[in-house]
Amino acid sequence: MTAVGVTGYLFHLEEYILSLISMIVFGKLILFHFIMEYFDRKKLQTKNSHDVERIKP
């Protein structure tokens, strides 16, 4: 939310180059956050699936 506010404010001040730079930088940070969250969830799911005891018929 803060990234959008900063970028929007720079765009409002007609600092187009700075708003573009902040959009690129914040975009990379947000993308990195979602990628790390995806891998953490994937790791948690595989860890939980290995803890399940299987019953063989």
PDB file of N, CA and C in Angstrom:
ATOM      1  N   MET A   1       0.821  -1.181   0.000  1.00  0.00           N
ATOM      2  CA  MET A   1       0.000   0.000   0.000  1.00  0.00           C
ATOM      3  C   MET A   1       0.876   1.259   0.000  1.00  0.00           C
ATOM      4  N   THR A   2       1.937   1.241   0.771  1.00  0.00           N
ATOM      5  CA  THR A   2       2.835   2.388   0.829  1.00  0.00           C
ATOM      6  C   THR A   2       3.527   2.600  -0.510  1.00  0.00           C
ATOM      7  N   ALA A   3       3.888   1.501  -1.168  1.00  0.00           N
ATOM      8  CA  ALA A   3       4.553   1.596  -2.467  1.00  0.00           C
ATOM      9  C   ALA A   3       3.648   2.284  -3.483  1.00  0.00           C
ATOM     10  N   VAL A   4       2.378   1.959  -3.451  1.00  0.00           N
ATOM     11  CA  VAL A   4       1.430   2.587  -4.377  1.00  0.00           C
ATOM     12  C   VAL A   4       1.284   4.068  -4.039  1.00  0.00           C
ATOM     13  N   GLY A   5       1.256   4.381  -2.760  1.00  0.00           N
ATOM     14  CA  GLY A   5       1.138   5.779  -2.342  1.00  0.00           C
ATOM     15  C   GLY A   5       2.329   6.619  -2.759  1.00  0.00           C
ATOM     16  N   VAL A   6       3.527   6.089  -2.551  1.00  0.00           N
ATOM     17  CA  VAL A   6       4.736   6.823  -2.936  1.00  0.00           C
ATOM     18  C   VAL A   6       4.789   7.017  -4.448  1.00  0.00           C
ATOM     19  N   THR A   7       4.517   5.961  -5.178  1.00  0.00           N
ATOM     20  CA  THR A   7       4.543   6.054  -6.648  1.00  0.00           C
ATOM     21  C   THR A   7       3.472   7.021  -7.155  1.00  0.00           C
ATOM     22  N   GLY A   8       2.285   6.940  -6.580  1.00  0.00           N
ATOM     23  CA  GLY A   8       1.207   7.847  -6.971  1.00  0.00           C
ATOM     24  C   GLY A   8       1.516   9.296  -6.654  1.00  0.00           C
ATOM     25  N   TYR A   9       2.135   9.517  -5.490  1.00  0.00           N
ATOM     26  CA  TYR A   9       2.494  10.878  -5.102  1.00  0.00           C
ATOM     27  C   TYR A   9       3.556  11.455  -6.035  1.00  0.00           C
ATOM     28  N   LEU A  10       4.550  10.648  -6.381  1.00  0.00           N
ATOM     29  CA  LEU A  10       5.571  11.119  -7.320  1.00  0.00           C
ATOM     30  C   LEU A  10       4.952  11.407  -8.692  1.00  0.00           C
ATOM     31  N   PHE A  11       4.009  10.580  -9.099  1.00  0.00           N
ATOM     32  CA  PHE A  11       3.326  10.821 -10.376  1.00  0.00           C
ATOM     33  C   PHE A  11       2.503  12.110 -10.300  1.00  0.00           C
ATOM     34  N   HIS A  12       1.875  12.332  -9.141  1.00  0.00           N
ATOM     35  CA  HIS A  12       1.079  13.546  -8.943  1.00  0.00           C
ATOM     36  C   HIS A  12       1.964  14.798  -9.009  1.00  0.00           C
ATOM     37  N   LEU A  13       3.191  14.698  -8.515  1.00  0.00           N
ATOM     38  CA  LEU A  13       4.123  15.825  -8.564  1.00  0.00           C
ATOM     39  C   LEU A  13       4.769  15.985  -9.934  1.00  0.00           C
ATOM     40  N   GLU A  14       4.338  15.200 -10.880  1.00  0.00           N
ATOM     41  CA  GLU A  14       4.840  15.202 -12.259  1.00  0.00           C
ATOM     42  C   GLU A  14       6.315  14.823 -12.319  1.00  0.00           C
ATOM     43  N   GLU A  15       6.737  13.979 -11.395  1.00  0.00           N
ATOM     44  CA  GLU A  15       8.086  13.409 -11.409  1.00  0.00           C
ATOM     45  C   GLU A  15       7.972  12.029 -12.050  1.00  0.00           C
ATOM     46  N   TYR A  16       7.797  12.021 -13.361  1.00  0.00           N
ATOM     47  CA  TYR A  16       7.486  10.785 -14.069  1.00  0.00           C
ATOM     48  C   TYR A  16       8.636   9.779 -14.032  1.00  0.00           C
ATOM     49  N   ILE A  17       9.855  10.254 -14.157  1.00  0.00           N
ATOM     50  CA  ILE A  17      11.013   9.354 -14.132  1.00  0.00           C
ATOM     51  C   ILE A  17      11.153   8.717 -12.746  1.00  0.00           C
ATOM     52  N   LEU A  18      11.032   9.531 -11.695  1.00  0.00           N
ATOM     53  CA  LEU A  18      11.131   8.984 -10.342  1.00  0.00           C
ATOM     54  C   LEU A  18       9.992   8.027 -10.028  1.00  0.00           C
ATOM     55  N   SER A  19       8.797   8.337 -10.502  1.00  0.00           N
ATOM     56  CA  SER A  19       7.676   7.425 -10.269  1.00  0.00           C
ATOM     57  C   SER A  19       7.880   6.113 -11.022  1.00  0.00           C
ATOM     58  N   LEU A  20       8.458   6.161 -12.198  1.00  0.00           N
ATOM     59  CA  LEU A  20       8.757   4.941 -12.945  1.00  0.00           C
ATOM     60  C   LEU A  20       9.819   4.107 -12.226  1.00  0.00           C
ATOM     61  N   ILE A  21      10.845   4.775 -11.734  1.00  0.00           N
ATOM     62  CA  ILE A  21      11.897   4.068 -10.996  1.00  0.00           C
ATOM     63  C   ILE A  21      11.327   3.434  -9.730  1.00  0.00           C
ATOM     64  N   SER A  22      10.526   4.173  -8.983  1.00  0.00           N
ATOM     65  CA  SER A  22       9.948   3.613  -7.757  1.00  0.00           C
ATOM     66  C   SER A  22       8.994   2.467  -8.076  1.00  0.00           C
ATOM     67  N   MET A  23       8.267   2.562  -9.199  1.00  0.00           N
ATOM     68  CA  MET A  23       7.372   1.484  -9.594  1.00  0.00           C
ATOM     69  C   MET A  23       8.173   0.215  -9.893  1.00  0.00           C
ATOM     70  N   ILE A  24       9.306   0.357 -10.555  1.00  0.00           N
ATOM     71  CA  ILE A  24      10.146  -0.803 -10.881  1.00  0.00           C
ATOM     72  C   ILE A  24      10.737  -1.405  -9.607  1.00  0.00           C
ATOM     73  N   VAL A  25      11.277  -0.556  -8.740  1.00  0.00           N
ATOM     74  CA  VAL A  25      11.907  -1.052  -7.506  1.00  0.00           C
ATOM     75  C   VAL A  25      10.883  -1.721  -6.597  1.00  0.00           C
ATOM     76  N   PHE A  26       9.758  -1.041  -6.354  1.00  0.00           N
ATOM     77  CA  PHE A  26       8.742  -1.614  -5.486  1.00  0.00           C
ATOM     78  C   PHE A  26       8.117  -2.856  -6.121  1.00  0.00           C
ATOM     79  N   GLY A  27       7.983  -2.859  -7.423  1.00  0.00           N
ATOM     80  CA  GLY A  27       7.432  -4.033  -8.110  1.00  0.00           C
ATOM     81  C   GLY A  27       8.298  -5.254  -7.904  1.00  0.00           C
ATOM     82  N   LYS A  28       9.616  -5.068  -7.976  1.00  0.00           N
ATOM     83  CA  LYS A  28      10.530  -6.188  -7.739  1.00  0.00           C
ATOM     84  C   LYS A  28      10.431  -6.676  -6.296  1.00  0.00           C
ATOM     85  N   LEU A  29      10.322  -5.759  -5.349  1.00  0.00           N
ATOM     86  CA  LEU A  29      10.203  -6.152  -3.941  1.00  0.00           C
ATOM     87  C   LEU A  29       8.904  -6.906  -3.676  1.00  0.00           C
ATOM     88  N   ILE A  30       7.811  -6.432  -4.254  1.00  0.00           N
ATOM     89  CA  ILE A  30       6.521  -7.095  -4.064  1.00  0.00           C
ATOM     90  C   ILE A  30       6.538  -8.467  -4.713  1.00  0.00           C
ATOM     91  N   LEU A  31       7.108  -8.571  -5.899  1.00  0.00           N
ATOM     92  CA  LEU A  31       7.218  -9.855  -6.578  1.00  0.00           C
ATOM     93  C   LEU A  31       8.071 -10.823  -5.761  1.00  0.00           C
ATOM     94  N   PHE A  32       9.183 -10.355  -5.220  1.00  0.00           N
ATOM     95  CA  PHE A  32      10.044 -11.185  -4.378  1.00  0.00           C
ATOM     96  C   PHE A  32       9.272 -11.693  -3.162  1.00  0.00           C
ATOM     97  N   HIS A  33       8.456 -10.831  -2.549  1.00  0.00           N
ATOM     98  CA  HIS A  33       7.663 -11.212  -1.389  1.00  0.00           C
ATOM     99  C   HIS A  33       6.708 -12.353  -1.738  1.00  0.00           C
ATOM    100  N   PHE A  34       5.999 -12.244  -2.860  1.00  0.00           N
ATOM    101  CA  PHE A  34       5.045 -13.281  -3.240  1.00  0.00           C
ATOM    102  C   PHE A  34       5.744 -14.586  -3.613  1.00  0.00           C
ATOM    103  N   ILE A  35       6.911 -14.507  -4.235  1.00  0.00           N
ATOM    104  CA  ILE A  35       7.661 -15.725  -4.580  1.00  0.00           C
ATOM    105  C   ILE A  35       8.112 -16.434  -3.304  1.00  0.00           C
ATOM    106  N   MET A  36       8.639 -15.689  -2.347  1.00  0.00           N
ATOM    107  CA  MET A  36       9.084 -16.310  -1.099  1.00  0.00           C
ATOM    108  C   MET A  36       7.911 -16.900  -0.322  1.00  0.00           C
ATOM    109  N   GLU A  37       6.778 -16.244  -0.325  1.00  0.00           N
ATOM    110  CA  GLU A  37       5.597 -16.768   0.356  1.00  0.00           C
ATOM    111  C   GLU A  37       5.121 -18.059  -0.311  1.00  0.00           C
ATOM    112  N   TYR A  38       5.187 -18.115  -1.634  1.00  0.00           N
ATOM    113  CA  TYR A  38       4.797 -19.323  -2.367  1.00  0.00           C
ATOM    114  C   TYR A  38       5.688 -20.502  -1.967  1.00  0.00           C
ATOM    115  N   PHE A  39       7.005 -20.279  -1.929  1.00  0.00           N
ATOM    116  CA  PHE A  39       7.917 -21.360  -1.577  1.00  0.00           C
ATOM    117  C   PHE A  39       7.776 -21.770  -0.113  1.00  0.00           C
ATOM    118  N   ASP A  40       7.475 -20.823   0.771  1.00  0.00           N
ATOM    119  CA  ASP A  40       7.248 -21.170   2.175  1.00  0.00           C
ATOM    120  C   ASP A  40       6.006 -22.048   2.319  1.00  0.00           C
ATOM    121  N   ARG A  41       4.938 -21.717   1.606  1.00  0.00           N
ATOM    122  CA  ARG A  41       3.718 -22.539   1.659  1.00  0.00           C
ATOM    123  C   ARG A  41       3.961 -23.923   1.070  1.00  0.00           C
ATOM    124  N   LYS A  42       4.716 -23.961  -0.020  1.00  0.00           N
ATOM    125  CA  LYS A  42       5.020 -25.238  -0.665  1.00  0.00           C
ATOM    126  C   LYS A  42       5.849 -26.110   0.281  1.00  0.00           C
ATOM    127  N   LYS A  43       6.812 -25.517   0.956  1.00  0.00           N
ATOM    128  CA  LYS A  43       7.644 -26.246   1.908  1.00  0.00           C
ATOM    129  C   LYS A  43       6.798 -26.751   3.079  1.00  0.00           C
ATOM    130  N   LEU A  44       5.880 -25.929   3.565  1.00  0.00           N
ATOM    131  CA  LEU A  44       5.023 -26.315   4.681  1.00  0.00           C
ATOM    132  C   LEU A  44       4.103 -27.460   4.285  1.00  0.00           C
ATOM    133  N   GLN A  45       3.568 -27.426   3.057  1.00  0.00           N
ATOM    134  CA  GLN A  45       2.678 -28.498   2.601  1.00  0.00           C
ATOM    135  C   GLN A  45       3.421 -29.817   2.485  1.00  0.00           C
ATOM    136  N   THR A  46       4.621 -29.817   1.939  1.00  0.00           N
ATOM    137  CA  THR A  46       5.371 -31.064   1.813  1.00  0.00           C
ATOM    138  C   THR A  46       5.789 -31.571   3.187  1.00  0.00           C
ATOM    139  N   LYS A  47       6.107 -30.678   4.112  1.00  0.00           N
ATOM    140  CA  LYS A  47       6.480 -31.092   5.457  1.00  0.00           C
ATOM    141  C   LYS A  47       5.286 -31.747   6.142  1.00  0.00           C
ATOM    142  N   ASN A  48       4.093 -31.170   6.013  1.00  0.00           N
ATOM    143  CA  ASN A  48       2.899 -31.727   6.636  1.00  0.00           C
ATOM    144  C   ASN A  48       2.494 -33.043   5.995  1.00  0.00           C
ATOM    145  N   SER A  49       2.696 -33.195   4.710  1.00  0.00           N
ATOM    146  CA  SER A  49       2.294 -34.437   4.044  1.00  0.00           C
ATOM    147  C   SER A  49       3.214 -35.589   4.424  1.00  0.00           C
ATOM    148  N   HIS A  50       4.459 -35.309   4.808  1.00  0.00           N
ATOM    149  CA  HIS A  50       5.374 -36.355   5.236  1.00  0.00           C
ATOM    150  C   HIS A  50       5.092 -36.788   6.673  1.00  0.00           C
ATOM    151  N   ASP A  51       4.440 -35.958   7.445  1.00  0.00           N
ATOM    152  CA  ASP A  51       4.132 -36.292   8.836  1.00  0.00           C
ATOM    153  C   ASP A  51       2.939 -37.226   8.957  1.00  0.00           C
ATOM    154  N   VAL A  52       2.160 -37.377   7.899  1.00  0.00           N
ATOM    155  CA  VAL A  52       0.963 -38.195   7.935  1.00  0.00           C
ATOM    156  C   VAL A  52       1.370 -39.664   7.890  1.00  0.00           C
ATOM    157  N   GLU A  53       0.819 -40.438   8.815  1.00  0.00           N
ATOM    158  CA  GLU A  53       1.116 -41.876   8.850  1.00  0.00           C
ATOM    159  C   GLU A  53       0.139 -42.590   7.939  1.00  0.00           C
ATOM    160  N   ARG A  54       0.649 -43.373   7.028  1.00  0.00           N
ATOM    161  CA  ARG A  54      -0.201 -44.062   6.067  1.00  0.00           C
ATOM    162  C   ARG A  54      -0.553 -45.457   6.571  1.00  0.00           C
ATOM    163  N   ILE A  55      -1.796 -45.846   6.372  1.00  0.00           N
ATOM    164  CA  ILE A  55      -2.263 -47.167   6.773  1.00  0.00           C
ATOM    165  C   ILE A  55      -2.314 -48.027   5.517  1.00  0.00           C
ATOM    166  N   LYS A  56      -1.621 -49.151   5.548  1.00  0.00           N
ATOM    167  CA  LYS A  56      -1.597 -50.046   4.397  1.00  0.00           C
ATOM    168  C   LYS A  56      -2.628 -51.150   4.599  1.00  0.00           C
ATOM    169  N   PRO A  57      -3.429 -51.450   3.594  1.00  0.00           N
ATOM    170  CA  PRO A  57      -4.464 -52.494   3.734  1.00  0.00           C
ATOM    171  C   PRO A  57      -3.888 -53.886   3.725  1.00  0.00           C
TER     172      PRO A  57
END
